[in-house]
Amino acid sequence: MAARGGRERGRDRRRKAAAGGETKTGAALALFAEVVLAGVLVAVGSLLLVTAVPSLAAGVAHVRRQVTGHDVGVSRFVRDWWAAVRALWPLGLAAVGVALLLALDWQLARADVLPGAGVVAVVVAVAAAAVVAVLARAAGAWAESTDGQDAGARTARQALAVGVQRTQDDLTGSVLVAVAAALCVVFVWMLPPLVLVVGGLLALAVVGVEARRGGRADV
């Protein structure tokens, strides 16, 4: 009897473990699907270029809701996107201007037109990484405000201030965001159709970095 009871308990534990594994697998697949969907939506929303930062903010909000178990959907993304465009368009415009300036400096450095071209190239790369980290974290700060968690980041100026502060306070997380952005560029360079996915991947990276920062703050 004791042996039979032990076997039954063992089967129950295995069934529970299998059910838990299925639940985790389903959650992972659901997150993957929403990241892909967010990538497509971010890509479409960024067609005007100046809407790239607002689109990323809406993508971060989308992925964050999926991770936290809230409702997600295309209609909610569209509402977030429009709200982000109205709030963050100055950041989007500034991002395009800075990107053009850095691209021009990079081309001049590669053409050896400027003295110390190698140093200029390094400075441009570091500046680009810093700009991406600040803008991504500003987008993440604005995304938090959609659920009322960071009401101080509802305008472009407020979101930028929060992004700069987090970039300074969490250098490791900012480096991770910059690396994620660099990998996205490499992915698109290797396979251009991946431009439809990288927006979601970058949004996921921002959500992960902010979750990491929040976890460290709770310790």
N, C-alpha and C. Protein backbone atom coordinates (compact mmCIF):
# COMPACT_ATOMS: atom_id res chain seq x y z
N MET A 1 0.82 -1.20 0.00
CA MET A 1 0.00 0.00 0.00
C MET A 1 0.86 1.26 0.00
N ALA A 2 1.90 1.22 0.84
CA ALA A 2 2.78 2.38 0.92
C ALA A 2 3.48 2.60 -0.41
N ALA A 3 3.92 1.48 -1.05
CA ALA A 3 4.59 1.60 -2.35
C ALA A 3 3.64 2.15 -3.39
N ARG A 4 2.37 1.65 -3.36
CA ARG A 4 1.39 2.15 -4.32
C ARG A 4 1.14 3.64 -4.11
N GLY A 5 1.01 4.07 -2.84
CA GLY A 5 0.80 5.49 -2.55
C GLY A 5 1.97 6.33 -3.02
N GLY A 6 3.20 5.78 -2.87
CA GLY A 6 4.38 6.51 -3.33
C GLY A 6 4.37 6.67 -4.83
N ARG A 7 3.97 5.60 -5.56
CA ARG A 7 3.92 5.69 -7.02
C ARG A 7 2.88 6.72 -7.45
N GLU A 8 1.72 6.73 -6.77
CA GLU A 8 0.68 7.69 -7.12
C GLU A 8 1.14 9.12 -6.87
N ARG A 9 1.83 9.34 -5.75
CA ARG A 9 2.34 10.68 -5.47
C ARG A 9 3.38 11.09 -6.51
N GLY A 10 4.17 10.12 -6.93
CA GLY A 10 5.17 10.41 -7.96
C GLY A 10 4.52 10.81 -9.27
N ARG A 11 3.42 10.08 -9.64
CA ARG A 11 2.71 10.42 -10.88
C ARG A 11 2.08 11.80 -10.77
N ASP A 12 1.55 12.13 -9.58
CA ASP A 12 0.94 13.46 -9.39
C ASP A 12 1.98 14.55 -9.56
N ARG A 13 3.16 14.33 -9.00
CA ARG A 13 4.22 15.34 -9.13
C ARG A 13 4.63 15.51 -10.58
N ARG A 14 4.72 14.39 -11.31
CA ARG A 14 5.11 14.47 -12.72
C ARG A 14 4.06 15.20 -13.54
N ARG A 15 2.76 14.92 -13.23
CA ARG A 15 1.69 15.62 -13.95
C ARG A 15 1.72 17.12 -13.67
N LYS A 16 1.95 17.48 -12.42
CA LYS A 16 2.02 18.89 -12.07
C LYS A 16 3.22 19.56 -12.74
N ALA A 17 4.35 18.85 -12.77
CA ALA A 17 5.53 19.41 -13.42
C ALA A 17 5.30 19.60 -14.91
N ALA A 18 4.62 18.59 -15.53
CA ALA A 18 4.32 18.71 -16.96
C ALA A 18 3.38 19.86 -17.23
N ALA A 19 2.36 20.02 -16.36
CA ALA A 19 1.43 21.13 -16.53
C ALA A 19 2.14 22.47 -16.38
N GLY A 20 3.05 22.55 -15.40
CA GLY A 20 3.81 23.79 -15.23
C GLY A 20 4.69 24.08 -16.43
N GLY A 21 5.29 23.00 -16.99
CA GLY A 21 6.12 23.19 -18.18
C GLY A 21 5.31 23.67 -19.36
N GLU A 22 4.09 23.10 -19.52
CA GLU A 22 3.22 23.54 -20.61
C GLU A 22 2.82 25.00 -20.44
N THR A 23 2.56 25.40 -19.19
CA THR A 23 2.18 26.79 -18.93
C THR A 23 3.31 27.74 -19.29
N LYS A 24 4.53 27.39 -18.88
CA LYS A 24 5.69 28.23 -19.19
C LYS A 24 5.93 28.29 -20.69
N THR A 25 5.77 27.16 -21.37
CA THR A 25 5.97 27.14 -22.81
C THR A 25 4.94 28.01 -23.51
N GLY A 26 3.68 27.90 -23.06
CA GLY A 26 2.63 28.72 -23.66
C GLY A 26 2.87 30.20 -23.45
N ALA A 27 3.34 30.56 -22.25
CA ALA A 27 3.63 31.98 -21.96
C ALA A 27 4.79 32.47 -22.83
N ALA A 28 5.80 31.62 -23.01
CA ALA A 28 6.93 32.02 -23.85
C ALA A 28 6.51 32.21 -25.30
N LEU A 29 5.67 31.29 -25.80
CA LEU A 29 5.20 31.41 -27.18
C LEU A 29 4.32 32.64 -27.37
N ALA A 30 3.48 32.91 -26.37
CA ALA A 30 2.62 34.10 -26.44
C ALA A 30 3.47 35.36 -26.46
N LEU A 31 4.52 35.41 -25.63
CA LEU A 31 5.40 36.57 -25.61
C LEU A 31 6.12 36.73 -26.95
N PHE A 32 6.58 35.61 -27.51
CA PHE A 32 7.25 35.66 -28.80
C PHE A 32 6.32 36.22 -29.88
N ALA A 33 5.08 35.75 -29.87
CA ALA A 33 4.10 36.23 -30.87
C ALA A 33 3.87 37.73 -30.71
N GLU A 34 3.74 38.19 -29.48
CA GLU A 34 3.47 39.62 -29.26
C GLU A 34 4.69 40.48 -29.59
N VAL A 35 5.90 39.94 -29.38
CA VAL A 35 7.11 40.67 -29.75
C VAL A 35 7.18 40.83 -31.27
N VAL A 36 6.85 39.76 -31.99
CA VAL A 36 6.83 39.84 -33.45
C VAL A 36 5.78 40.85 -33.92
N LEU A 37 4.59 40.77 -33.33
CA LEU A 37 3.52 41.71 -33.68
C LEU A 37 3.94 43.14 -33.37
N ALA A 38 4.56 43.34 -32.22
CA ALA A 38 5.03 44.68 -31.86
C ALA A 38 6.07 45.17 -32.85
N GLY A 39 6.94 44.26 -33.32
CA GLY A 39 7.94 44.65 -34.31
C GLY A 39 7.31 45.15 -35.60
N VAL A 40 6.30 44.44 -36.07
CA VAL A 40 5.60 44.86 -37.29
C VAL A 40 4.92 46.21 -37.09
N LEU A 41 4.25 46.35 -35.95
CA LEU A 41 3.53 47.61 -35.68
C LEU A 41 4.50 48.77 -35.53
N VAL A 42 5.63 48.55 -34.87
CA VAL A 42 6.63 49.61 -34.72
C VAL A 42 7.21 49.99 -36.07
N ALA A 43 7.46 48.99 -36.92
CA ALA A 43 8.01 49.27 -38.25
C ALA A 43 7.03 50.11 -39.07
N VAL A 44 5.77 49.75 -39.05
CA VAL A 44 4.75 50.51 -39.78
C VAL A 44 4.61 51.91 -39.20
N GLY A 45 4.61 52.00 -37.89
CA GLY A 45 4.46 53.30 -37.26
C GLY A 45 5.64 54.22 -37.45
N SER A 46 6.80 53.65 -37.82
CA SER A 46 8.02 54.45 -37.98
C SER A 46 8.27 54.89 -39.42
N LEU A 47 7.31 54.65 -40.30
CA LEU A 47 7.50 54.97 -41.72
C LEU A 47 7.76 56.45 -41.95
N LEU A 48 7.24 57.30 -41.08
CA LEU A 48 7.43 58.75 -41.24
C LEU A 48 8.76 59.22 -40.62
N LEU A 49 9.53 58.30 -40.07
CA LEU A 49 10.84 58.56 -39.45
C LEU A 49 10.71 59.36 -38.16
N VAL A 50 10.06 60.51 -38.21
CA VAL A 50 9.92 61.31 -36.99
C VAL A 50 9.02 60.62 -35.97
N THR A 51 8.33 59.58 -36.38
CA THR A 51 7.47 58.82 -35.47
C THR A 51 8.18 57.57 -34.93
N ALA A 52 9.47 57.44 -35.17
CA ALA A 52 10.19 56.24 -34.73
C ALA A 52 10.22 56.14 -33.21
N VAL A 53 10.55 57.22 -32.53
CA VAL A 53 10.60 57.19 -31.06
C VAL A 53 9.21 56.95 -30.47
N PRO A 54 8.18 57.67 -30.92
CA PRO A 54 6.83 57.36 -30.42
C PRO A 54 6.41 55.91 -30.70
N SER A 55 6.78 55.39 -31.86
CA SER A 55 6.42 54.01 -32.19
C SER A 55 7.11 53.04 -31.25
N LEU A 56 8.38 53.30 -30.92
CA LEU A 56 9.08 52.44 -29.97
C LEU A 56 8.42 52.52 -28.60
N ALA A 57 8.00 53.72 -28.20
CA ALA A 57 7.32 53.86 -26.91
C ALA A 57 6.04 53.03 -26.88
N ALA A 58 5.26 53.08 -27.96
CA ALA A 58 4.04 52.27 -28.04
C ALA A 58 4.38 50.79 -28.05
N GLY A 59 5.47 50.41 -28.72
CA GLY A 59 5.90 49.01 -28.73
C GLY A 59 6.32 48.54 -27.35
N VAL A 60 7.03 49.38 -26.60
CA VAL A 60 7.42 49.03 -25.23
C VAL A 60 6.18 48.83 -24.37
N ALA A 61 5.20 49.74 -24.51
CA ALA A 61 3.96 49.60 -23.75
C ALA A 61 3.25 48.29 -24.09
N HIS A 62 3.26 47.93 -25.37
CA HIS A 62 2.61 46.69 -25.82
C HIS A 62 3.27 45.46 -25.20
N VAL A 63 4.60 45.38 -25.30
CA VAL A 63 5.32 44.23 -24.75
C VAL A 63 5.20 44.19 -23.24
N ARG A 64 5.25 45.35 -22.62
CA ARG A 64 5.17 45.41 -21.16
C ARG A 64 3.81 44.91 -20.68
N ARG A 65 2.74 45.24 -21.37
CA ARG A 65 1.42 44.75 -20.98
C ARG A 65 1.34 43.24 -21.13
N GLN A 66 1.97 42.69 -22.17
CA GLN A 66 1.98 41.25 -22.35
C GLN A 66 2.72 40.57 -21.19
N VAL A 67 3.85 41.13 -20.81
CA VAL A 67 4.66 40.54 -19.74
C VAL A 67 3.93 40.60 -18.40
N THR A 68 3.21 41.69 -18.17
CA THR A 68 2.53 41.86 -16.89
C THR A 68 1.12 41.29 -16.87
N GLY A 69 0.70 40.66 -17.97
CA GLY A 69 -0.60 40.00 -17.98
C GLY A 69 -1.78 40.89 -18.27
N HIS A 70 -1.55 42.06 -18.86
CA HIS A 70 -2.64 42.95 -19.21
C HIS A 70 -3.11 42.69 -20.65
N ASP A 71 -4.24 43.29 -20.99
CA ASP A 71 -4.79 43.11 -22.33
C ASP A 71 -3.90 43.78 -23.37
N VAL A 72 -3.72 43.08 -24.49
CA VAL A 72 -2.95 43.62 -25.60
C VAL A 72 -3.79 43.49 -26.87
N GLY A 73 -3.44 44.28 -27.86
CA GLY A 73 -4.17 44.22 -29.12
C GLY A 73 -3.73 45.34 -30.03
N VAL A 74 -4.06 45.21 -31.30
CA VAL A 74 -3.67 46.22 -32.28
C VAL A 74 -4.36 47.54 -31.98
N SER A 75 -5.62 47.49 -31.59
CA SER A 75 -6.35 48.73 -31.32
C SER A 75 -5.73 49.49 -30.15
N ARG A 76 -5.29 48.76 -29.13
CA ARG A 76 -4.64 49.42 -27.99
C ARG A 76 -3.31 50.01 -28.41
N PHE A 77 -2.57 49.29 -29.28
CA PHE A 77 -1.30 49.83 -29.78
C PHE A 77 -1.54 51.12 -30.55
N VAL A 78 -2.58 51.14 -31.38
CA VAL A 78 -2.88 52.35 -32.17
C VAL A 78 -3.18 53.52 -31.25
N ARG A 79 -3.94 53.29 -30.19
CA ARG A 79 -4.23 54.37 -29.25
C ARG A 79 -2.96 54.87 -28.57
N ASP A 80 -2.11 53.92 -28.16
CA ASP A 80 -0.85 54.31 -27.53
C ASP A 80 0.04 55.05 -28.52
N TRP A 81 0.05 54.57 -29.76
CA TRP A 81 0.90 55.20 -30.78
C TRP A 81 0.48 56.65 -31.00
N TRP A 82 -0.81 56.88 -31.11
CA TRP A 82 -1.28 58.25 -31.35
C TRP A 82 -0.97 59.14 -30.15
N ALA A 83 -1.16 58.61 -28.95
CA ALA A 83 -0.84 59.39 -27.75
C ALA A 83 0.66 59.67 -27.68
N ALA A 84 1.47 58.69 -28.06
CA ALA A 84 2.93 58.88 -28.03
C ALA A 84 3.37 59.89 -29.09
N VAL A 85 2.76 59.85 -30.26
CA VAL A 85 3.09 60.82 -31.31
C VAL A 85 2.81 62.24 -30.83
N ARG A 86 1.65 62.43 -30.22
CA ARG A 86 1.29 63.76 -29.73
C ARG A 86 2.23 64.24 -28.63
N ALA A 87 2.71 63.29 -27.80
CA ALA A 87 3.56 63.68 -26.67
C ALA A 87 5.05 63.73 -27.03
N LEU A 88 5.51 62.80 -27.86
CA LEU A 88 6.94 62.62 -28.06
C LEU A 88 7.44 63.06 -29.43
N TRP A 89 6.62 63.74 -30.23
CA TRP A 89 7.08 64.13 -31.56
C TRP A 89 8.34 65.00 -31.51
N PRO A 90 8.55 65.85 -30.49
CA PRO A 90 9.81 66.60 -30.47
C PRO A 90 11.03 65.68 -30.36
N LEU A 91 10.90 64.59 -29.58
CA LEU A 91 12.01 63.64 -29.48
C LEU A 91 12.23 62.93 -30.81
N GLY A 92 11.14 62.61 -31.50
CA GLY A 92 11.27 61.98 -32.81
C GLY A 92 11.96 62.88 -33.80
N LEU A 93 11.60 64.15 -33.80
CA LEU A 93 12.23 65.11 -34.71
C LEU A 93 13.70 65.30 -34.36
N ALA A 94 14.01 65.42 -33.08
CA ALA A 94 15.39 65.58 -32.65
C ALA A 94 16.21 64.33 -32.99
N ALA A 95 15.59 63.15 -32.86
CA ALA A 95 16.31 61.91 -33.17
C ALA A 95 16.71 61.86 -34.64
N VAL A 96 15.81 62.28 -35.53
CA VAL A 96 16.14 62.29 -36.96
C VAL A 96 17.29 63.27 -37.24
N GLY A 97 17.23 64.45 -36.63
CA GLY A 97 18.30 65.43 -36.84
C GLY A 97 19.64 64.93 -36.33
N VAL A 98 19.66 64.36 -35.15
CA VAL A 98 20.92 63.83 -34.59
C VAL A 98 21.44 62.67 -35.42
N ALA A 99 20.53 61.81 -35.89
CA ALA A 99 20.95 60.67 -36.72
C ALA A 99 21.60 61.15 -38.02
N LEU A 100 21.02 62.17 -38.66
CA LEU A 100 21.60 62.71 -39.89
C LEU A 100 22.98 63.31 -39.62
N LEU A 101 23.12 64.02 -38.51
CA LEU A 101 24.40 64.62 -38.17
C LEU A 101 25.47 63.57 -37.91
N LEU A 102 25.11 62.53 -37.14
CA LEU A 102 26.06 61.47 -36.85
C LEU A 102 26.42 60.68 -38.11
N ALA A 103 25.44 60.47 -39.00
CA ALA A 103 25.71 59.75 -40.25
C ALA A 103 26.67 60.55 -41.12
N LEU A 104 26.49 61.88 -41.15
CA LEU A 104 27.40 62.73 -41.93
C LEU A 104 28.81 62.66 -41.36
N ASP A 105 28.95 62.76 -40.04
CA ASP A 105 30.27 62.68 -39.42
C ASP A 105 30.91 61.32 -39.67
N TRP A 106 30.10 60.27 -39.64
CA TRP A 106 30.62 58.92 -39.88
C TRP A 106 31.15 58.78 -41.31
N GLN A 107 30.41 59.31 -42.26
CA GLN A 107 30.85 59.24 -43.64
C GLN A 107 32.14 60.04 -43.84
N LEU A 108 32.22 61.21 -43.21
CA LEU A 108 33.45 62.01 -43.32
C LEU A 108 34.64 61.28 -42.69
N ALA A 109 34.39 60.61 -41.58
CA ALA A 109 35.47 59.86 -40.93
C ALA A 109 35.93 58.70 -41.80
N ARG A 110 35.00 58.00 -42.42
CA ARG A 110 35.36 56.87 -43.29
C ARG A 110 36.10 57.33 -44.54
N ALA A 111 35.79 58.56 -45.00
CA ALA A 111 36.45 59.08 -46.20
C ALA A 111 37.79 59.73 -45.89
N ASP A 112 38.19 59.74 -44.62
CA ASP A 112 39.46 60.34 -44.19
C ASP A 112 39.53 61.83 -44.55
N VAL A 113 38.39 62.48 -44.59
CA VAL A 113 38.37 63.91 -44.88
C VAL A 113 38.78 64.72 -43.65
N LEU A 114 38.38 64.23 -42.47
CA LEU A 114 38.70 64.91 -41.23
C LEU A 114 40.01 64.41 -40.65
N PRO A 115 40.79 65.30 -40.01
CA PRO A 115 42.00 64.83 -39.32
C PRO A 115 41.63 63.96 -38.13
N GLY A 116 42.42 62.92 -37.90
CA GLY A 116 42.10 61.99 -36.81
C GLY A 116 40.81 61.25 -37.07
N ALA A 117 40.66 60.74 -38.27
CA ALA A 117 39.41 60.09 -38.67
C ALA A 117 39.06 58.91 -37.75
N GLY A 118 40.08 58.17 -37.31
CA GLY A 118 39.81 57.03 -36.44
C GLY A 118 39.19 57.45 -35.12
N VAL A 119 39.72 58.53 -34.55
CA VAL A 119 39.18 59.04 -33.28
C VAL A 119 37.75 59.55 -33.48
N VAL A 120 37.53 60.24 -34.59
CA VAL A 120 36.20 60.76 -34.89
C VAL A 120 35.20 59.62 -35.01
N ALA A 121 35.60 58.53 -35.67
CA ALA A 121 34.70 57.39 -35.83
C ALA A 121 34.32 56.79 -34.48
N VAL A 122 35.30 56.69 -33.59
CA VAL A 122 35.02 56.15 -32.25
C VAL A 122 34.07 57.06 -31.49
N VAL A 123 34.33 58.38 -31.57
CA VAL A 123 33.47 59.34 -30.88
C VAL A 123 32.04 59.27 -31.42
N VAL A 124 31.91 59.16 -32.74
CA VAL A 124 30.58 59.07 -33.35
C VAL A 124 29.86 57.81 -32.89
N ALA A 125 30.58 56.68 -32.83
CA ALA A 125 29.96 55.43 -32.39
C ALA A 125 29.50 55.52 -30.95
N VAL A 126 30.34 56.09 -30.08
CA VAL A 126 29.96 56.23 -28.67
C VAL A 126 28.77 57.17 -28.52
N ALA A 127 28.80 58.28 -29.28
CA ALA A 127 27.69 59.23 -29.22
C ALA A 127 26.40 58.59 -29.69
N ALA A 128 26.47 57.80 -30.76
CA ALA A 128 25.28 57.13 -31.27
C ALA A 128 24.72 56.16 -30.23
N ALA A 129 25.61 55.41 -29.57
CA ALA A 129 25.16 54.47 -28.54
C ALA A 129 24.48 55.21 -27.39
N ALA A 130 25.06 56.34 -26.99
CA ALA A 130 24.49 57.12 -25.88
C ALA A 130 23.12 57.67 -26.27
N VAL A 131 23.00 58.19 -27.48
CA VAL A 131 21.72 58.74 -27.94
C VAL A 131 20.65 57.66 -27.98
N VAL A 132 21.00 56.49 -28.50
CA VAL A 132 20.04 55.39 -28.58
C VAL A 132 19.59 54.97 -27.19
N ALA A 133 20.55 54.87 -26.25
CA ALA A 133 20.21 54.46 -24.89
C ALA A 133 19.27 55.46 -24.24
N VAL A 134 19.56 56.75 -24.39
CA VAL A 134 18.72 57.78 -23.77
C VAL A 134 17.32 57.77 -24.37
N LEU A 135 17.24 57.72 -25.70
CA LEU A 135 15.93 57.75 -26.35
C LEU A 135 15.12 56.50 -26.03
N ALA A 136 15.78 55.34 -26.01
CA ALA A 136 15.07 54.10 -25.70
C ALA A 136 14.54 54.12 -24.27
N ARG A 137 15.35 54.62 -23.35
CA ARG A 137 14.91 54.65 -21.96
C ARG A 137 13.86 55.74 -21.75
N ALA A 138 13.93 56.81 -22.53
CA ALA A 138 12.85 57.81 -22.49
C ALA A 138 11.55 57.21 -23.00
N ALA A 139 11.63 56.42 -24.08
CA ALA A 139 10.44 55.73 -24.59
C ALA A 139 9.89 54.77 -23.56
N GLY A 140 10.77 54.06 -22.85
CA GLY A 140 10.32 53.17 -21.80
C GLY A 140 9.65 53.90 -20.66
N ALA A 141 10.18 55.08 -20.31
CA ALA A 141 9.58 55.88 -19.25
C ALA A 141 8.19 56.35 -19.64
N TRP A 142 8.04 56.78 -20.89
CA TRP A 142 6.72 57.20 -21.34
C TRP A 142 5.75 56.02 -21.34
N ALA A 143 6.22 54.84 -21.75
CA ALA A 143 5.36 53.66 -21.79
C ALA A 143 4.83 53.33 -20.40
N GLU A 144 5.63 53.55 -19.38
CA GLU A 144 5.16 53.29 -18.02
C GLU A 144 4.02 54.23 -17.64
N SER A 145 4.04 55.44 -18.19
CA SER A 145 3.00 56.41 -17.84
C SER A 145 1.64 56.01 -18.40
N THR A 146 1.60 55.09 -19.38
CA THR A 146 0.32 54.67 -19.95
C THR A 146 -0.51 53.90 -18.94
N ASP A 147 0.15 53.29 -17.94
CA ASP A 147 -0.56 52.58 -16.88
C ASP A 147 -0.50 53.33 -15.56
N GLY A 148 -0.06 54.59 -15.62
CA GLY A 148 -0.03 55.41 -14.42
C GLY A 148 1.12 55.14 -13.47
N GLN A 149 2.11 54.33 -13.89
CA GLN A 149 3.21 54.01 -12.99
C GLN A 149 4.25 55.11 -12.93
N ASP A 150 4.37 55.89 -13.98
CA ASP A 150 5.34 56.99 -13.99
C ASP A 150 4.66 58.20 -14.61
N ALA A 151 3.79 58.83 -13.85
CA ALA A 151 3.02 59.95 -14.38
C ALA A 151 3.88 61.15 -14.71
N GLY A 152 5.14 61.15 -14.25
CA GLY A 152 6.03 62.27 -14.53
C GLY A 152 6.68 62.22 -15.89
N ALA A 153 6.35 61.25 -16.72
CA ALA A 153 6.99 61.10 -18.03
C ALA A 153 5.98 61.18 -19.15
N ARG A 154 5.00 62.04 -19.02
CA ARG A 154 3.93 62.11 -20.01
C ARG A 154 4.24 63.08 -21.15
N THR A 155 5.20 63.97 -20.98
CA THR A 155 5.59 64.88 -22.04
C THR A 155 6.97 64.53 -22.54
N ALA A 156 7.35 65.08 -23.70
CA ALA A 156 8.66 64.79 -24.26
C ALA A 156 9.78 65.23 -23.32
N ARG A 157 9.64 66.42 -22.73
CA ARG A 157 10.68 66.92 -21.83
C ARG A 157 10.80 66.04 -20.60
N GLN A 158 9.66 65.65 -20.03
CA GLN A 158 9.69 64.80 -18.84
C GLN A 158 10.26 63.43 -19.15
N ALA A 159 9.84 62.85 -20.29
CA ALA A 159 10.35 61.54 -20.67
C ALA A 159 11.86 61.59 -20.93
N LEU A 160 12.32 62.66 -21.57
CA LEU A 160 13.75 62.80 -21.83
C LEU A 160 14.53 62.94 -20.53
N ALA A 161 13.99 63.71 -19.59
CA ALA A 161 14.67 63.88 -18.31
C ALA A 161 14.80 62.54 -17.58
N VAL A 162 13.71 61.75 -17.60
CA VAL A 162 13.76 60.44 -16.96
C VAL A 162 14.74 59.52 -17.69
N GLY A 163 14.74 59.58 -19.04
CA GLY A 163 15.65 58.75 -19.81
C GLY A 163 17.11 59.07 -19.52
N VAL A 164 17.44 60.35 -19.45
CA VAL A 164 18.81 60.76 -19.13
C VAL A 164 19.20 60.30 -17.73
N GLN A 165 18.29 60.47 -16.78
CA GLN A 165 18.58 60.08 -15.39
C GLN A 165 18.82 58.58 -15.29
N ARG A 166 17.97 57.79 -15.95
CA ARG A 166 18.13 56.33 -15.87
C ARG A 166 19.39 55.89 -16.60
N THR A 167 19.73 56.56 -17.69
CA THR A 167 20.95 56.21 -18.41
C THR A 167 22.16 56.43 -17.52
N GLN A 168 22.16 57.48 -16.74
CA GLN A 168 23.28 57.77 -15.85
C GLN A 168 23.30 56.85 -14.64
N ASP A 169 22.12 56.60 -14.07
CA ASP A 169 22.05 55.80 -12.84
C ASP A 169 22.24 54.31 -13.09
N ASP A 170 21.90 53.84 -14.27
CA ASP A 170 21.98 52.41 -14.59
C ASP A 170 22.81 52.24 -15.87
N LEU A 171 24.12 52.42 -15.73
CA LEU A 171 24.98 52.35 -16.90
C LEU A 171 24.99 50.95 -17.52
N THR A 172 24.93 49.93 -16.68
CA THR A 172 24.92 48.56 -17.22
C THR A 172 23.69 48.33 -18.08
N GLY A 173 22.54 48.75 -17.58
CA GLY A 173 21.32 48.60 -18.36
C GLY A 173 21.37 49.41 -19.64
N SER A 174 21.96 50.60 -19.60
CA SER A 174 22.06 51.43 -20.79
C SER A 174 22.97 50.77 -21.83
N VAL A 175 24.06 50.16 -21.36
CA VAL A 175 24.94 49.43 -22.29
C VAL A 175 24.19 48.27 -22.92
N LEU A 176 23.38 47.57 -22.13
CA LEU A 176 22.59 46.45 -22.67
C LEU A 176 21.62 46.93 -23.74
N VAL A 177 20.99 48.08 -23.51
CA VAL A 177 20.08 48.63 -24.51
C VAL A 177 20.83 48.99 -25.78
N ALA A 178 22.01 49.62 -25.63
CA ALA A 178 22.81 49.98 -26.80
C ALA A 178 23.27 48.75 -27.57
N VAL A 179 23.65 47.70 -26.85
CA VAL A 179 24.06 46.45 -27.50
C VAL A 179 22.88 45.83 -28.25
N ALA A 180 21.72 45.85 -27.63
CA ALA A 180 20.52 45.33 -28.29
C ALA A 180 20.24 46.09 -29.57
N ALA A 181 20.38 47.42 -29.54
CA ALA A 181 20.16 48.23 -30.74
C ALA A 181 21.19 47.90 -31.81
N ALA A 182 22.45 47.70 -31.39
CA ALA A 182 23.50 47.35 -32.35
C ALA A 182 23.22 45.99 -33.01
N LEU A 183 22.76 45.04 -32.21
CA LEU A 183 22.41 43.73 -32.76
C LEU A 183 21.26 43.84 -33.75
N CYS A 184 20.30 44.72 -33.44
CA CYS A 184 19.18 44.92 -34.37
C CYS A 184 19.69 45.45 -35.71
N VAL A 185 20.65 46.37 -35.65
CA VAL A 185 21.23 46.91 -36.89
C VAL A 185 21.93 45.79 -37.66
N VAL A 186 22.66 44.95 -36.96
CA VAL A 186 23.36 43.84 -37.61
C VAL A 186 22.35 42.88 -38.24
N PHE A 187 21.27 42.57 -37.53
CA PHE A 187 20.25 41.68 -38.07
C PHE A 187 19.69 42.21 -39.39
N VAL A 188 19.37 43.51 -39.39
CA VAL A 188 18.79 44.11 -40.60
C VAL A 188 19.82 44.15 -41.72
N TRP A 189 21.09 44.41 -41.37
CA TRP A 189 22.15 44.42 -42.38
C TRP A 189 22.32 43.03 -43.00
N MET A 190 22.21 41.98 -42.19
CA MET A 190 22.37 40.62 -42.68
C MET A 190 21.13 40.16 -43.46
N LEU A 191 19.94 40.55 -42.98
CA LEU A 191 18.70 40.11 -43.61
C LEU A 191 17.68 41.25 -43.52
N PRO A 192 17.60 42.10 -44.53
CA PRO A 192 16.74 43.30 -44.48
C PRO A 192 15.30 43.06 -44.06
N PRO A 193 14.64 41.94 -44.42
CA PRO A 193 13.25 41.75 -43.97
C PRO A 193 13.08 41.72 -42.46
N LEU A 194 14.18 41.51 -41.73
CA LEU A 194 14.08 41.51 -40.27
C LEU A 194 13.77 42.89 -39.70
N VAL A 195 13.73 43.89 -40.57
CA VAL A 195 13.33 45.23 -40.10
C VAL A 195 11.91 45.20 -39.54
N LEU A 196 11.14 44.19 -39.93
CA LEU A 196 9.77 44.04 -39.43
C LEU A 196 9.72 43.43 -38.03
N VAL A 197 10.87 43.02 -37.51
CA VAL A 197 10.89 42.34 -36.21
C VAL A 197 11.70 43.11 -35.18
N VAL A 198 12.73 43.82 -35.62
CA VAL A 198 13.70 44.38 -34.67
C VAL A 198 13.07 45.40 -33.73
N GLY A 199 12.02 46.09 -34.16
CA GLY A 199 11.36 47.03 -33.25
C GLY A 199 10.82 46.34 -32.02
N GLY A 200 10.24 45.16 -32.21
CA GLY A 200 9.75 44.39 -31.07
C GLY A 200 10.87 43.88 -30.20
N LEU A 201 11.99 43.48 -30.82
CA LEU A 201 13.13 43.00 -30.04
C LEU A 201 13.71 44.12 -29.18
N LEU A 202 13.82 45.32 -29.76
CA LEU A 202 14.34 46.45 -28.99
C LEU A 202 13.37 46.82 -27.86
N ALA A 203 12.08 46.76 -28.14
CA ALA A 203 11.09 47.02 -27.10
C ALA A 203 11.20 46.01 -25.97
N LEU A 204 11.41 44.74 -26.32
CA LEU A 204 11.58 43.70 -25.31
C LEU A 204 12.83 43.97 -24.48
N ALA A 205 13.91 44.43 -25.13
CA ALA A 205 15.14 44.74 -24.41
C ALA A 205 14.90 45.87 -23.40
N VAL A 206 14.16 46.89 -23.81
CA VAL A 206 13.86 48.00 -22.90
C VAL A 206 13.05 47.51 -21.71
N VAL A 207 12.03 46.69 -21.97
CA VAL A 207 11.21 46.15 -20.89
C VAL A 207 12.07 45.32 -19.93
N GLY A 208 12.96 44.50 -20.48
CA GLY A 208 13.82 43.67 -19.64
C GLY A 208 14.77 44.49 -18.80
N VAL A 209 15.35 45.53 -19.38
CA VAL A 209 16.29 46.38 -18.64
C VAL A 209 15.57 47.12 -17.52
N GLU A 210 14.37 47.62 -17.80
CA GLU A 210 13.63 48.32 -16.75
C GLU A 210 13.18 47.36 -15.65
N ALA A 211 12.83 46.12 -16.02
CA ALA A 211 12.48 45.12 -15.01
C ALA A 211 13.69 44.79 -14.15
N ARG A 212 14.84 44.72 -14.80
CA ARG A 212 16.09 44.47 -14.06
C ARG A 212 16.39 45.61 -13.09
N ARG A 213 16.20 46.84 -13.57
CA ARG A 213 16.45 48.00 -12.71
C ARG A 213 15.48 48.01 -11.52
N GLY A 214 14.21 47.70 -11.80
CA GLY A 214 13.23 47.65 -10.72
C GLY A 214 13.55 46.56 -9.72
N GLY A 215 14.02 45.40 -10.20
CA GLY A 215 14.38 44.32 -9.30
C GLY A 215 15.55 44.69 -8.41
N ARG A 216 16.53 45.40 -8.97
CA ARG A 216 17.67 45.81 -8.16
C ARG A 216 17.27 46.85 -7.13
N ALA A 217 16.31 47.71 -7.51
CA ALA A 217 15.87 48.75 -6.58
C ALA A 217 15.12 48.15 -5.39
N ASP A 218 14.49 46.97 -5.61
CA ASP A 218 13.73 46.34 -4.54
C ASP A 218 14.63 45.60 -3.56
N VAL A 219 15.87 45.32 -3.98
CA VAL A 219 16.77 44.55 -3.11
C VAL A 219 17.26 45.41 -1.95
